[in-house]
Amino acid sequence: PIVGRQGIIDRNRLRGSESIVDITQQVDDVQVHHDWATYTCLARIRVS
């Protein structure tokens, strides 16, 4: 696991310096309950 916003951004920055990422998401479900939501999807992740 990567903990904290900065750690997640640092990982993305590192991966972005080494590759080009293309993502396609197909949303399956979004449930909202007050200020919380769950989001599920099927994603294709291409890395070049």
All heavy atoms as atom14 arrays in JSON, in Angstrom:
{
  "sequence": "PIVGRQGIIDRNRLRGSESIVDITQQVDDVQVHHDWATYTCLARIRVS",
  "atom14_mask": [
    [1, 1, 1, 1, 1, 1, 1, 0, 0, 0, 0, 0, 0, 0],
    [1, 1, 1, 1, 1, 1, 1, 1, 0, 0, 0, 0, 0, 0],
    [1, 1, 1, 1, 1, 1, 1, 0, 0, 0, 0, 0, 0, 0],
    [1, 1, 1, 1, 0, 0, 0, 0, 0, 0, 0, 0, 0, 0],
    [1, 1, 1, 1, 1, 1, 1, 1, 1, 1, 1, 0, 0, 0],
    [1, 1, 1, 1, 1, 1, 1, 1, 1, 0, 0, 0, 0, 0],
    [1, 1, 1, 1, 0, 0, 0, 0, 0, 0, 0, 0, 0, 0],
    [1, 1, 1, 1, 1, 1, 1, 1, 0, 0, 0, 0, 0, 0],
    [1, 1, 1, 1, 1, 1, 1, 1, 0, 0, 0, 0, 0, 0],
    [1, 1, 1, 1, 1, 1, 1, 1, 0, 0, 0, 0, 0, 0],
    [1, 1, 1, 1, 1, 1, 1, 1, 1, 1, 1, 0, 0, 0],
    [1, 1, 1, 1, 1, 1, 1, 1, 0, 0, 0, 0, 0, 0],
    [1, 1, 1, 1, 1, 1, 1, 1, 1, 1, 1, 0, 0, 0],
    [1, 1, 1, 1, 1, 1, 1, 1, 0, 0, 0, 0, 0, 0],
    [1, 1, 1, 1, 1, 1, 1, 1, 1, 1, 1, 0, 0, 0],
    [1, 1, 1, 1, 0, 0, 0, 0, 0, 0, 0, 0, 0, 0],
    [1, 1, 1, 1, 1, 1, 0, 0, 0, 0, 0, 0, 0, 0],
    [1, 1, 1, 1, 1, 1, 1, 1, 1, 0, 0, 0, 0, 0],
    [1, 1, 1, 1, 1, 1, 0, 0, 0, 0, 0, 0, 0, 0],
    [1, 1, 1, 1, 1, 1, 1, 1, 0, 0, 0, 0, 0, 0],
    [1, 1, 1, 1, 1, 1, 1, 0, 0, 0, 0, 0, 0, 0],
    [1, 1, 1, 1, 1, 1, 1, 1, 0, 0, 0, 0, 0, 0],
    [1, 1, 1, 1, 1, 1, 1, 1, 0, 0, 0, 0, 0, 0],
    [1, 1, 1, 1, 1, 1, 1, 0, 0, 0, 0, 0, 0, 0],
    [1, 1, 1, 1, 1, 1, 1, 1, 1, 0, 0, 0, 0, 0],
    [1, 1, 1, 1, 1, 1, 1, 1, 1, 0, 0, 0, 0, 0],
    [1, 1, 1, 1, 1, 1, 1, 0, 0, 0, 0, 0, 0, 0],
    [1, 1, 1, 1, 1, 1, 1, 1, 0, 0, 0, 0, 0, 0],
    [1, 1, 1, 1, 1, 1, 1, 1, 0, 0, 0, 0, 0, 0],
    [1, 1, 1, 1, 1, 1, 1, 0, 0, 0, 0, 0, 0, 0],
    [1, 1, 1, 1, 1, 1, 1, 1, 1, 0, 0, 0, 0, 0],
    [1, 1, 1, 1, 1, 1, 1, 0, 0, 0, 0, 0, 0, 0],
    [1, 1, 1, 1, 1, 1, 1, 1, 1, 1, 0, 0, 0, 0],
    [1, 1, 1, 1, 1, 1, 1, 1, 1, 1, 0, 0, 0, 0],
    [1, 1, 1, 1, 1, 1, 1, 1, 0, 0, 0, 0, 0, 0],
    [1, 1, 1, 1, 1, 1, 1, 1, 1, 1, 1, 1, 1, 1],
    [1, 1, 1, 1, 1, 0, 0, 0, 0, 0, 0, 0, 0, 0],
    [1, 1, 1, 1, 1, 1, 1, 0, 0, 0, 0, 0, 0, 0],
    [1, 1, 1, 1, 1, 1, 1, 1, 1, 1, 1, 1, 0, 0],
    [1, 1, 1, 1, 1, 1, 1, 0, 0, 0, 0, 0, 0, 0],
    [1, 1, 1, 1, 1, 1, 0, 0, 0, 0, 0, 0, 0, 0],
    [1, 1, 1, 1, 1, 1, 1, 1, 0, 0, 0, 0, 0, 0],
    [1, 1, 1, 1, 1, 0, 0, 0, 0, 0, 0, 0, 0, 0],
    [1, 1, 1, 1, 1, 1, 1, 1, 1, 1, 1, 0, 0, 0],
    [1, 1, 1, 1, 1, 1, 1, 1, 0, 0, 0, 0, 0, 0],
    [1, 1, 1, 1, 1, 1, 1, 1, 1, 1, 1, 0, 0, 0],
    [1, 1, 1, 1, 1, 1, 1, 0, 0, 0, 0, 0, 0, 0],
    [1, 1, 1, 1, 1, 1, 0, 0, 0, 0, 0, 0, 0, 0]
  ],
  "atom14_positions": [
    [[0.83, -1.21, 0.0], [0.0, 0.0, 0.0], [0.86, 1.26, 0.0], [1.96, 1.29, 0.55], [-0.78, -0.1, 1.32], [-0.74, -1.54, 1.69], [0.55, -2.07, 1.16], [0.0, 0.0, 0.0], [0.0, 0.0, 0.0], [0.0, 0.0, 0.0], [0.0, 0.0, 0.0], [0.0, 0.0, 0.0], [0.0, 0.0, 0.0], [0.0, 0.0, 0.0]],
    [[0.33, 2.29, -0.62], [0.97, 3.61, -0.63], [0.08, 4.51, 0.21], [-1.1, 4.7, -0.09], [1.13, 4.13, -2.06], [1.98, 3.15, -2.86], [1.73, 5.53, -2.05], [1.97, 3.4, -4.35], [0.0, 0.0, 0.0], [0.0, 0.0, 0.0], [0.0, 0.0, 0.0], [0.0, 0.0, 0.0], [0.0, 0.0, 0.0], [0.0, 0.0, 0.0]],
    [[0.66, 5.06, 1.28], [-0.11, 5.82, 2.26], [0.11, 7.32, 2.07], [1.25, 7.77, 2.01], [0.29, 5.39, 3.69], [-0.49, 6.19, 4.73], [0.05, 3.88, 3.89], [0.0, 0.0, 0.0], [0.0, 0.0, 0.0], [0.0, 0.0, 0.0], [0.0, 0.0, 0.0], [0.0, 0.0, 0.0], [0.0, 0.0, 0.0], [0.0, 0.0, 0.0]],
    [[-0.97, 8.05, 1.99], [-0.93, 9.5, 1.92], [-0.91, 10.04, 0.5], [-0.36, 9.43, -0.41], [0.0, 0.0, 0.0], [0.0, 0.0, 0.0], [0.0, 0.0, 0.0], [0.0, 0.0, 0.0], [0.0, 0.0, 0.0], [0.0, 0.0, 0.0], [0.0, 0.0, 0.0], [0.0, 0.0, 0.0], [0.0, 0.0, 0.0], [0.0, 0.0, 0.0]],
    [[-1.53, 11.21, 0.35], [-1.62, 11.85, -0.97], [-0.24, 12.04, -1.59], [-0.03, 11.75, -2.76], [-2.35, 13.19, -0.84], [-2.32, 13.99, -2.12], [-3.08, 15.29, -2.09], [-3.07, 15.95, -0.82], [-4.09, 16.67, -0.35], [-5.19, 16.8, -1.04], [-3.99, 17.26, 0.81], [0.0, 0.0, 0.0], [0.0, 0.0, 0.0], [0.0, 0.0, 0.0]],
    [[0.71, 12.54, -0.81], [2.02, 12.84, -1.38], [2.72, 11.58, -1.88], [3.34, 11.59, -2.94], [2.91, 13.58, -0.38], [4.13, 14.2, -1.04], [3.75, 15.14, -2.19], [2.96, 16.06, -2.0], [4.29, 14.91, -3.37], [0.0, 0.0, 0.0], [0.0, 0.0, 0.0], [0.0, 0.0, 0.0], [0.0, 0.0, 0.0], [0.0, 0.0, 0.0]],
    [[2.59, 10.47, -1.15], [3.18, 9.21, -1.6], [2.57, 8.73, -2.91], [3.26, 8.23, -3.8], [0.0, 0.0, 0.0], [0.0, 0.0, 0.0], [0.0, 0.0, 0.0], [0.0, 0.0, 0.0], [0.0, 0.0, 0.0], [0.0, 0.0, 0.0], [0.0, 0.0, 0.0], [0.0, 0.0, 0.0], [0.0, 0.0, 0.0], [0.0, 0.0, 0.0]],
    [[1.26, 8.89, -3.04], [0.57, 8.49, -4.26], [1.02, 9.36, -5.43], [1.31, 8.86, -6.53], [-0.96, 8.56, -4.06], [-1.39, 7.53, -3.01], [-1.69, 8.36, -5.39], [-2.8, 7.72, -2.5], [0.0, 0.0, 0.0], [0.0, 0.0, 0.0], [0.0, 0.0, 0.0], [0.0, 0.0, 0.0], [0.0, 0.0, 0.0], [0.0, 0.0, 0.0]],
    [[1.14, 10.67, -5.2], [1.58, 11.58, -6.26], [3.03, 11.28, -6.64], [3.37, 11.25, -7.83], [1.41, 13.05, -5.82], [-0.06, 13.36, -5.56], [2.0, 14.0, -6.87], [-1.02, 13.05, -6.68], [0.0, 0.0, 0.0], [0.0, 0.0, 0.0], [0.0, 0.0, 0.0], [0.0, 0.0, 0.0], [0.0, 0.0, 0.0], [0.0, 0.0, 0.0]],
    [[3.87, 11.03, -5.66], [5.28, 10.69, -5.94], [5.37, 9.43, -6.8], [6.18, 9.37, -7.73], [6.07, 10.51, -4.64], [6.29, 11.81, -3.9], [6.05, 12.9, -4.47], [6.68, 11.73, -2.71], [0.0, 0.0, 0.0], [0.0, 0.0, 0.0], [0.0, 0.0, 0.0], [0.0, 0.0, 0.0], [0.0, 0.0, 0.0], [0.0, 0.0, 0.0]],
    [[4.55, 8.43, -6.51], [4.55, 7.2, -7.32], [4.12, 7.51, -8.75], [4.72, 7.03, -9.71], [3.63, 6.15, -6.72], [3.58, 4.87, -7.56], [2.62, 3.88, -6.94], [2.67, 2.59, -7.59], [1.85, 2.22, -8.58], [0.96, 3.06, -9.05], [1.95, 1.01, -9.11], [0.0, 0.0, 0.0], [0.0, 0.0, 0.0], [0.0, 0.0, 0.0]],
    [[3.08, 8.32, -8.89], [2.64, 8.69, -10.24], [3.71, 9.47, -10.98], [3.93, 9.26, -12.17], [1.35, 9.51, -10.16], [0.13, 8.63, -10.07], [-0.38, 8.15, -11.06], [-0.34, 8.41, -8.85], [0.0, 0.0, 0.0], [0.0, 0.0, 0.0], [0.0, 0.0, 0.0], [0.0, 0.0, 0.0], [0.0, 0.0, 0.0], [0.0, 0.0, 0.0]],
    [[4.37, 10.37, -10.28], [5.43, 11.17, -10.9], [6.57, 10.26, -11.38], [7.08, 10.42, -12.49], [5.95, 12.22, -9.9], [6.93, 13.19, -10.52], [7.31, 14.3, -9.54], [6.3, 15.35, -9.6], [5.52, 15.72, -8.59], [5.62, 15.16, -7.41], [4.63, 16.68, -8.74], [0.0, 0.0, 0.0], [0.0, 0.0, 0.0], [0.0, 0.0, 0.0]],
    [[6.97, 9.3, -10.55], [8.03, 8.37, -10.93], [7.61, 7.55, -12.15], [8.37, 7.44, -13.12], [8.37, 7.44, -9.76], [9.39, 6.34, -10.06], [10.75, 6.94, -10.42], [9.51, 5.4, -8.88], [0.0, 0.0, 0.0], [0.0, 0.0, 0.0], [0.0, 0.0, 0.0], [0.0, 0.0, 0.0], [0.0, 0.0, 0.0], [0.0, 0.0, 0.0]],
    [[6.41, 7.0, -12.11], [5.94, 6.2, -13.24], [5.79, 7.05, -14.5], [6.08, 6.59, -15.6], [4.62, 5.53, -12.9], [4.8, 4.43, -11.84], [3.56, 3.69, -11.6], [3.33, 2.82, -12.74], [2.25, 2.07, -12.88], [1.33, 2.09, -11.98], [2.11, 1.3, -13.93], [0.0, 0.0, 0.0], [0.0, 0.0, 0.0], [0.0, 0.0, 0.0]],
    [[5.36, 8.3, -14.33], [5.2, 9.2, -15.47], [6.51, 9.59, -16.11], [6.57, 9.89, -17.3], [0.0, 0.0, 0.0], [0.0, 0.0, 0.0], [0.0, 0.0, 0.0], [0.0, 0.0, 0.0], [0.0, 0.0, 0.0], [0.0, 0.0, 0.0], [0.0, 0.0, 0.0], [0.0, 0.0, 0.0], [0.0, 0.0, 0.0], [0.0, 0.0, 0.0]],
    [[7.6, 9.57, -15.33], [8.9, 9.89, -15.9], [9.46, 8.74, -16.72], [10.34, 8.91, -17.54], [9.89, 10.26, -14.78], [10.21, 9.12, -14.0], [0.0, 0.0, 0.0], [0.0, 0.0, 0.0], [0.0, 0.0, 0.0], [0.0, 0.0, 0.0], [0.0, 0.0, 0.0], [0.0, 0.0, 0.0], [0.0, 0.0, 0.0], [0.0, 0.0, 0.0]],
    [[8.91, 7.55, -16.47], [9.39, 6.34, -17.15], [8.46, 5.84, -18.25], [8.83, 4.98, -19.03], [9.57, 5.21, -16.13], [10.53, 5.54, -15.01], [10.49, 4.51, -13.89], [9.53, 3.71, -13.83], [11.41, 4.53, -13.06], [0.0, 0.0, 0.0], [0.0, 0.0, 0.0], [0.0, 0.0, 0.0], [0.0, 0.0, 0.0], [0.0, 0.0, 0.0]],
    [[7.22, 6.35, -18.27], [6.24, 5.78, -19.19], [5.12, 6.77, -19.51], [4.98, 7.8, -18.86], [5.63, 4.51, -18.56], [5.03, 4.82, -17.32], [0.0, 0.0, 0.0], [0.0, 0.0, 0.0], [0.0, 0.0, 0.0], [0.0, 0.0, 0.0], [0.0, 0.0, 0.0], [0.0, 0.0, 0.0], [0.0, 0.0, 0.0], [0.0, 0.0, 0.0]],
    [[4.35, 6.4, -20.51], [3.17, 7.14, -20.91], [1.97, 6.23, -20.6], [1.94, 5.08, -21.03], [3.21, 7.5, -22.4], [4.42, 8.4, -22.67], [1.91, 8.16, -22.84], [4.74, 8.58, -24.13], [0.0, 0.0, 0.0], [0.0, 0.0, 0.0], [0.0, 0.0, 0.0], [0.0, 0.0, 0.0], [0.0, 0.0, 0.0], [0.0, 0.0, 0.0]],
    [[1.01, 6.76, -19.86], [-0.12, 5.96, -19.42], [-1.38, 6.41, -20.15], [-1.65, 7.6, -20.27], [-0.32, 6.09, -17.89], [-1.53, 5.3, -17.43], [0.93, 5.65, -17.14], [0.0, 0.0, 0.0], [0.0, 0.0, 0.0], [0.0, 0.0, 0.0], [0.0, 0.0, 0.0], [0.0, 0.0, 0.0], [0.0, 0.0, 0.0], [0.0, 0.0, 0.0]],
    [[-2.14, 5.44, -20.63], [-3.43, 5.69, -21.27], [-4.46, 4.81, -20.55], [-4.27, 3.6, -20.47], [-3.37, 5.34, -22.75], [-4.72, 5.48, -23.43], [-5.34, 6.54, -23.3], [-5.16, 4.5, -24.07], [0.0, 0.0, 0.0], [0.0, 0.0, 0.0], [0.0, 0.0, 0.0], [0.0, 0.0, 0.0], [0.0, 0.0, 0.0], [0.0, 0.0, 0.0]],
    [[-5.5, 5.43, -20.01], [-6.5, 4.71, -19.23], [-7.87, 4.87, -19.88], [-8.25, 5.96, -20.28], [-6.57, 5.26, -17.78], [-5.22, 5.16, -17.1], [-7.64, 4.53, -16.97], [-5.14, 5.9, -15.79], [0.0, 0.0, 0.0], [0.0, 0.0, 0.0], [0.0, 0.0, 0.0], [0.0, 0.0, 0.0], [0.0, 0.0, 0.0], [0.0, 0.0, 0.0]],
    [[-8.6, 3.77, -19.95], [-10.0, 3.8, -20.36], [-10.8, 3.13, -19.26], [-10.5, 2.0, -18.88], [-10.22, 3.07, -21.69], [-9.39, 3.67, -22.68], [-11.68, 3.13, -22.11], [0.0, 0.0, 0.0], [0.0, 0.0, 0.0], [0.0, 0.0, 0.0], [0.0, 0.0, 0.0], [0.0, 0.0, 0.0], [0.0, 0.0, 0.0], [0.0, 0.0, 0.0]],
    [[-11.8, 3.84, -18.73], [-12.64, 3.31, -17.66], [-14.05, 3.04, -18.17], [-14.59, 3.85, -18.92], [-12.77, 4.32, -16.52], [-11.47, 4.77, -15.91], [-11.71, 5.87, -14.9], [-12.34, 5.65, -13.88], [-11.22, 7.06, -15.19], [0.0, 0.0, 0.0], [0.0, 0.0, 0.0], [0.0, 0.0, 0.0], [0.0, 0.0, 0.0], [0.0, 0.0, 0.0]],
    [[-14.62, 1.92, -17.76], [-16.04, 1.67, -17.99], [-16.67, 1.56, -16.61], [-16.4, 0.61, -15.87], [-16.26, 0.4, -18.81], [-15.92, 0.6, -20.26], [-16.23, -0.61, -21.12], [-16.33, -1.74, -20.63], [-16.38, -0.38, -22.41], [0.0, 0.0, 0.0], [0.0, 0.0, 0.0], [0.0, 0.0, 0.0], [0.0, 0.0, 0.0], [0.0, 0.0, 0.0]],
    [[-17.48, 2.54, -16.27], [-18.1, 2.62, -14.95], [-19.11, 1.5, -14.79], [-19.96, 1.26, -15.66], [-18.8, 3.98, -14.77], [-19.47, 4.06, -13.4], [-17.81, 5.12, -14.97], [0.0, 0.0, 0.0], [0.0, 0.0, 0.0], [0.0, 0.0, 0.0], [0.0, 0.0, 0.0], [0.0, 0.0, 0.0], [0.0, 0.0, 0.0], [0.0, 0.0, 0.0]],
    [[-19.01, 0.8, -13.66], [-19.98, -0.23, -13.32], [-21.05, 0.3, -12.38], [-22.23, 0.08, -12.58], [-19.3, -1.43, -12.63], [-18.46, -2.24, -13.57], [-18.87, -2.44, -14.72], [-17.38, -2.68, -13.16], [0.0, 0.0, 0.0], [0.0, 0.0, 0.0], [0.0, 0.0, 0.0], [0.0, 0.0, 0.0], [0.0, 0.0, 0.0], [0.0, 0.0, 0.0]],
    [[-20.6, 1.0, -11.35], [-21.53, 1.39, -10.31], [-20.99, 2.57, -9.53], [-19.78, 2.66, -9.28], [-21.74, 0.21, -9.36], [-22.84, 0.45, -8.33], [-23.9, 0.96, -8.71], [-22.61, 0.12, -7.16], [0.0, 0.0, 0.0], [0.0, 0.0, 0.0], [0.0, 0.0, 0.0], [0.0, 0.0, 0.0], [0.0, 0.0, 0.0], [0.0, 0.0, 0.0]],
    [[-21.87, 3.47, -9.16], [-21.54, 4.57, -8.24], [-22.67, 4.63, -7.23], [-23.83, 4.75, -7.61], [-21.43, 5.92, -8.98], [-21.15, 7.05, -7.99], [-20.35, 5.87, -10.06], [0.0, 0.0, 0.0], [0.0, 0.0, 0.0], [0.0, 0.0, 0.0], [0.0, 0.0, 0.0], [0.0, 0.0, 0.0], [0.0, 0.0, 0.0], [0.0, 0.0, 0.0]],
    [[-22.31, 4.52, -5.96], [-23.28, 4.63, -4.88], [-22.89, 5.81, -4.01], [-21.72, 5.95, -3.65], [-23.3, 3.35, -4.03], [-23.78, 2.13, -4.77], [-25.26, 2.2, -5.11], [-26.08, 2.62, -4.3], [-25.6, 1.8, -6.33], [0.0, 0.0, 0.0], [0.0, 0.0, 0.0], [0.0, 0.0, 0.0], [0.0, 0.0, 0.0], [0.0, 0.0, 0.0]],
    [[-23.84, 6.65, -3.68], [-23.58, 7.83, -2.87], [-24.43, 7.74, -1.6], [-25.63, 7.44, -1.67], [-23.93, 9.12, -3.63], [-23.75, 10.35, -2.74], [-23.08, 9.24, -4.9], [0.0, 0.0, 0.0], [0.0, 0.0, 0.0], [0.0, 0.0, 0.0], [0.0, 0.0, 0.0], [0.0, 0.0, 0.0], [0.0, 0.0, 0.0], [0.0, 0.0, 0.0]],
    [[-23.79, 7.99, -0.47], [-24.5, 8.05, 0.81], [-23.94, 9.23, 1.59], [-22.82, 9.17, 2.11], [-24.32, 6.74, 1.59], [-25.12, 6.68, 2.84], [-26.49, 6.56, 2.83], [-24.76, 6.75, 4.13], [-26.93, 6.55, 4.07], [-25.9, 6.66, 4.88], [0.0, 0.0, 0.0], [0.0, 0.0, 0.0], [0.0, 0.0, 0.0], [0.0, 0.0, 0.0]],
    [[-24.68, 10.3, 1.56], [-24.26, 11.57, 2.2], [-22.95, 12.05, 1.56], [-22.94, 12.3, 0.37], [-24.18, 11.43, 3.71], [-25.48, 11.03, 4.33], [-26.58, 11.85, 4.37], [-25.85, 9.86, 4.92], [-27.58, 11.21, 4.96], [-27.18, 10.01, 5.29], [0.0, 0.0, 0.0], [0.0, 0.0, 0.0], [0.0, 0.0, 0.0], [0.0, 0.0, 0.0]],
    [[-21.88, 12.13, 2.35], [-20.6, 12.65, 1.85], [-19.62, 11.53, 1.48], [-18.42, 11.78, 1.35], [-19.96, 13.57, 2.89], [-20.75, 14.86, 3.06], [-21.53, 15.21, 2.14], [-20.6, 15.52, 4.1], [0.0, 0.0, 0.0], [0.0, 0.0, 0.0], [0.0, 0.0, 0.0], [0.0, 0.0, 0.0], [0.0, 0.0, 0.0], [0.0, 0.0, 0.0]],
    [[-20.14, 10.33, 1.33], [-19.31, 9.18, 0.96], [-19.84, 8.57, -0.33], [-21.05, 8.56, -0.57], [-19.32, 8.13, 2.07], [-18.62, 8.6, 3.29], [-19.18, 9.23, 4.36], [-17.22, 8.49, 3.56], [-18.21, 9.53, 5.28], [-17.0, 9.08, 4.83], [-16.14, 7.96, 2.87], [-15.74, 9.15, 5.4], [-14.88, 8.02, 3.45], [-14.7, 8.61, 4.69]],
    [[-18.94, 8.02, -1.13], [-19.34, 7.34, -2.37], [-18.42, 6.16, -2.62], [-17.26, 6.17, -2.22], [-19.29, 8.31, -3.54], [0.0, 0.0, 0.0], [0.0, 0.0, 0.0], [0.0, 0.0, 0.0], [0.0, 0.0, 0.0], [0.0, 0.0, 0.0], [0.0, 0.0, 0.0], [0.0, 0.0, 0.0], [0.0, 0.0, 0.0], [0.0, 0.0, 0.0]],
    [[-18.96, 5.17, -3.29], [-18.13, 4.1, -3.84], [-18.25, 4.18, -5.36], [-19.31, 4.5, -5.89], [-18.56, 2.7, -3.36], [-19.93, 2.47, -3.7], [-18.35, 2.54, -1.86], [0.0, 0.0, 0.0], [0.0, 0.0, 0.0], [0.0, 0.0, 0.0], [0.0, 0.0, 0.0], [0.0, 0.0, 0.0], [0.0, 0.0, 0.0], [0.0, 0.0, 0.0]],
    [[-17.15, 3.89, -6.01], [-17.06, 3.95, -7.47], [-16.36, 2.67, -7.91], [-15.28, 2.34, -7.41], [-16.22, 5.17, -7.85], [-15.85, 5.28, -9.32], [-16.64, 6.01, -10.19], [-14.69, 4.7, -9.8], [-16.29, 6.14, -11.53], [-14.33, 4.82, -11.14], [-15.14, 5.54, -11.99], [-14.78, 5.67, -13.31], [0.0, 0.0, 0.0], [0.0, 0.0, 0.0]],
    [[-16.99, 1.93, -8.8], [-16.35, 0.74, -9.34], [-16.35, 0.82, -10.86], [-17.29, 1.33, -11.48], [-17.04, -0.56, -8.89], [-18.41, -0.55, -9.31], [-16.96, -0.75, -7.39], [0.0, 0.0, 0.0], [0.0, 0.0, 0.0], [0.0, 0.0, 0.0], [0.0, 0.0, 0.0], [0.0, 0.0, 0.0], [0.0, 0.0, 0.0], [0.0, 0.0, 0.0]],
    [[-15.27, 0.31, -11.43], [-15.16, 0.3, -12.88], [-14.24, -0.83, -13.34], [-13.51, -1.41, -12.55], [-14.64, 1.64, -13.41], [-12.89, 1.92, -13.15], [0.0, 0.0, 0.0], [0.0, 0.0, 0.0], [0.0, 0.0, 0.0], [0.0, 0.0, 0.0], [0.0, 0.0, 0.0], [0.0, 0.0, 0.0], [0.0, 0.0, 0.0], [0.0, 0.0, 0.0]],
    [[-14.31, -1.09, -14.61], [-13.35, -1.94, -15.3], [-12.46, -0.97, -16.07], [-12.96, -0.07, -16.75], [-14.07, -2.89, -16.26], [-13.19, -3.79, -17.12], [-12.35, -4.73, -16.25], [-14.04, -4.59, -18.08], [0.0, 0.0, 0.0], [0.0, 0.0, 0.0], [0.0, 0.0, 0.0], [0.0, 0.0, 0.0], [0.0, 0.0, 0.0], [0.0, 0.0, 0.0]],
    [[-11.16, -1.12, -15.91], [-10.24, -0.19, -16.57], [-9.24, -0.94, -17.44], [-8.77, -2.03, -17.08], [-9.48, 0.62, -15.52], [0.0, 0.0, 0.0], [0.0, 0.0, 0.0], [0.0, 0.0, 0.0], [0.0, 0.0, 0.0], [0.0, 0.0, 0.0], [0.0, 0.0, 0.0], [0.0, 0.0, 0.0], [0.0, 0.0, 0.0], [0.0, 0.0, 0.0]],
    [[-8.94, -0.34, -18.57], [-7.83, -0.81, -19.42], [-6.71, 0.19, -19.21], [-6.9, 1.39, -19.38], [-8.22, -0.87, -20.88], [-7.05, -1.37, -21.76], [-7.39, -1.38, -23.22], [-7.69, -0.02, -23.65], [-8.66, 0.28, -24.51], [-9.43, -0.62, -25.04], [-8.86, 1.54, -24.86], [0.0, 0.0, 0.0], [0.0, 0.0, 0.0], [0.0, 0.0, 0.0]],
    [[-5.55, -0.32, -18.85], [-4.4, 0.54, -18.58], [-3.29, 0.15, -19.54], [-2.76, -0.96, -19.48], [-3.93, 0.37, -17.12], [-5.1, 0.64, -16.18], [-2.75, 1.28, -16.82], [-4.94, 0.06, -14.8], [0.0, 0.0, 0.0], [0.0, 0.0, 0.0], [0.0, 0.0, 0.0], [0.0, 0.0, 0.0], [0.0, 0.0, 0.0], [0.0, 0.0, 0.0]],
    [[-2.98, 1.09, -20.44], [-1.89, 0.87, -21.4], [-0.7, 1.71, -20.97], [-0.85, 2.9, -20.68], [-2.3, 1.29, -22.8], [-3.31, 0.37, -23.43], [-3.58, 0.78, -24.85], [-4.51, -0.15, -25.45], [-5.41, 0.17, -26.35], [-5.49, 1.41, -26.79], [-6.24, -0.73, -26.84], [0.0, 0.0, 0.0], [0.0, 0.0, 0.0], [0.0, 0.0, 0.0]],
    [[0.45, 1.1, -20.93], [1.67, 1.79, -20.53], [2.69, 1.61, -21.63], [2.99, 0.49, -22.04], [2.22, 1.23, -19.19], [3.49, 1.93, -18.79], [1.17, 1.33, -18.09], [0.0, 0.0, 0.0], [0.0, 0.0, 0.0], [0.0, 0.0, 0.0], [0.0, 0.0, 0.0], [0.0, 0.0, 0.0], [0.0, 0.0, 0.0], [0.0, 0.0, 0.0]],
    [[3.19, 2.73, -22.15], [4.22, 2.67, -23.18], [5.41, 3.51, -22.74], [5.3, 4.37, -21.87], [3.67, 3.15, -24.53], [3.16, 4.45, -24.41], [0.0, 0.0, 0.0], [0.0, 0.0, 0.0], [0.0, 0.0, 0.0], [0.0, 0.0, 0.0], [0.0, 0.0, 0.0], [0.0, 0.0, 0.0], [0.0, 0.0, 0.0], [0.0, 0.0, 0.0]]
  ]
}
